[in-house]
Amino acid sequence: MQKTKKSVAKRFKLSAKGKLVRRTPGFRHLLASKSTTSKRRASRDKLVAASHVEPLKRCLPFGL
């Protein structure tokens, strides 16, 4: 039986169309020094780069 890689499951999720989505790192602290623009950009989810998608999807055999 293939198990879900929990470290990957906590950091990524699959969208409805099967794309991998991630959060921007480093935005839980020191927010006063960051510009409004960068905070606004960081609040949006981002797609994982195409070269990283295949190995990460292998770590999520049951979707999530």
C-alpha atoms as a PDB file:
ATOM      1  CA  MET A   1       0.000   0.000   0.000  1.00  0.00           C
ATOM      2  CA  GLN A   2       1.316   3.415  -0.907  1.00  0.00           C
ATOM      3  CA  LYS A   3       1.173   5.963   1.890  1.00  0.00           C
ATOM      4  CA  THR A   4       0.657   9.709   1.631  1.00  0.00           C
ATOM      5  CA  LYS A   5       3.808  11.750   2.301  1.00  0.00           C
ATOM      6  CA  LYS A   6       2.524  13.899   5.159  1.00  0.00           C
ATOM      7  CA  SER A   7       5.160  16.624   4.796  1.00  0.00           C
ATOM      8  CA  VAL A   8       3.941  17.194   1.224  1.00  0.00           C
ATOM      9  CA  ALA A   9       0.271  16.976   2.201  1.00  0.00           C
ATOM     10  CA  LYS A  10       0.729  19.799   4.731  1.00  0.00           C
ATOM     11  CA  ARG A  11       2.388  22.153   2.244  1.00  0.00           C
ATOM     12  CA  PHE A  12       0.507  21.552  -1.015  1.00  0.00           C
ATOM     13  CA  LYS A  13      -3.029  20.898  -2.143  1.00  0.00           C
ATOM     14  CA  LEU A  14      -4.606  19.833  -5.404  1.00  0.00           C
ATOM     15  CA  SER A  15      -7.006  22.221  -7.098  1.00  0.00           C
ATOM     16  CA  ALA A  16     -10.258  21.003  -8.628  1.00  0.00           C
ATOM     17  CA  LYS A  17      -8.569  20.645 -12.026  1.00  0.00           C
ATOM     18  CA  GLY A  18      -5.615  18.728 -10.564  1.00  0.00           C
ATOM     19  CA  LYS A  19      -3.042  21.527 -10.369  1.00  0.00           C
ATOM     20  CA  LEU A  20      -0.744  21.739  -7.345  1.00  0.00           C
ATOM     21  CA  VAL A  21      -1.132  24.898  -5.272  1.00  0.00           C
ATOM     22  CA  ARG A  22       1.257  26.249  -2.631  1.00  0.00           C
ATOM     23  CA  ARG A  23       1.412  29.137  -0.170  1.00  0.00           C
ATOM     24  CA  THR A  24       4.144  31.788  -0.174  1.00  0.00           C
ATOM     25  CA  PRO A  25       6.762  31.005   2.496  1.00  0.00           C
ATOM     26  CA  GLY A  26       7.878  33.487   5.141  1.00  0.00           C
ATOM     27  CA  PHE A  27       4.664  35.412   5.717  1.00  0.00           C
ATOM     28  CA  ARG A  28       3.759  34.561   9.281  1.00  0.00           C
ATOM     29  CA  HIS A  29       6.145  36.970  10.993  1.00  0.00           C
ATOM     30  CA  LEU A  30       8.020  40.266  10.484  1.00  0.00           C
ATOM     31  CA  LEU A  31       5.142  41.659   8.447  1.00  0.00           C
ATOM     32  CA  ALA A  32       5.700  45.282   9.496  1.00  0.00           C
ATOM     33  CA  SER A  33       8.904  45.478   7.463  1.00  0.00           C
ATOM     34  CA  LYS A  34       7.311  44.039   4.315  1.00  0.00           C
ATOM     35  CA  SER A  35       5.619  46.302   1.800  1.00  0.00           C
ATOM     36  CA  THR A  36       1.873  46.270   1.259  1.00  0.00           C
ATOM     37  CA  THR A  37       2.409  45.121  -2.316  1.00  0.00           C
ATOM     38  CA  SER A  38       4.482  42.106  -1.336  1.00  0.00           C
ATOM     39  CA  LYS A  39       1.994  41.170   1.403  1.00  0.00           C
ATOM     40  CA  ARG A  40      -0.878  41.377  -1.064  1.00  0.00           C
ATOM     41  CA  ARG A  41       0.969  39.205  -3.586  1.00  0.00           C
ATOM     42  CA  ALA A  42       1.897  36.700  -0.907  1.00  0.00           C
ATOM     43  CA  SER A  43      -1.699  36.305   0.234  1.00  0.00           C
ATOM     44  CA  ARG A  44      -2.622  34.660  -3.077  1.00  0.00           C
ATOM     45  CA  ASP A  45      -1.967  30.975  -3.649  1.00  0.00           C
ATOM     46  CA  LYS A  46       0.598  30.124  -6.303  1.00  0.00           C
ATOM     47  CA  LEU A  47       0.974  27.228  -8.691  1.00  0.00           C
ATOM     48  CA  VAL A  48       3.895  24.863  -8.240  1.00  0.00           C
ATOM     49  CA  ALA A  49       6.515  24.986 -11.011  1.00  0.00           C
ATOM     50  CA  ALA A  50       5.937  22.424 -13.755  1.00  0.00           C
ATOM     51  CA  SER A  51       9.233  20.623 -13.123  1.00  0.00           C
ATOM     52  CA  HIS A  52       8.266  19.915  -9.497  1.00  0.00           C
ATOM     53  CA  VAL A  53       4.704  18.744 -10.077  1.00  0.00           C
ATOM     54  CA  GLU A  54       5.277  15.096 -11.059  1.00  0.00           C
ATOM     55  CA  PRO A  55       7.363  13.975  -8.042  1.00  0.00           C
ATOM     56  CA  LEU A  56       5.073  15.838  -5.649  1.00  0.00           C
ATOM     57  CA  LYS A  57       1.944  14.230  -7.107  1.00  0.00           C
ATOM     58  CA  ARG A  58       3.554  10.844  -6.549  1.00  0.00           C
ATOM     59  CA  CYS A  59       3.715  11.720  -2.843  1.00  0.00           C
ATOM     60  CA  LEU A  60      -0.068  12.368  -2.836  1.00  0.00           C
ATOM     61  CA  PRO A  61      -1.507   9.087  -4.142  1.00  0.00           C
ATOM     62  CA  PHE A  62      -5.037   9.782  -2.880  1.00  0.00           C
ATOM     63  CA  GLY A  63      -5.375  13.373  -3.990  1.00  0.00           C
ATOM     64  CA  LEU A  64      -6.106  15.488  -0.901  1.00  0.00           C
END
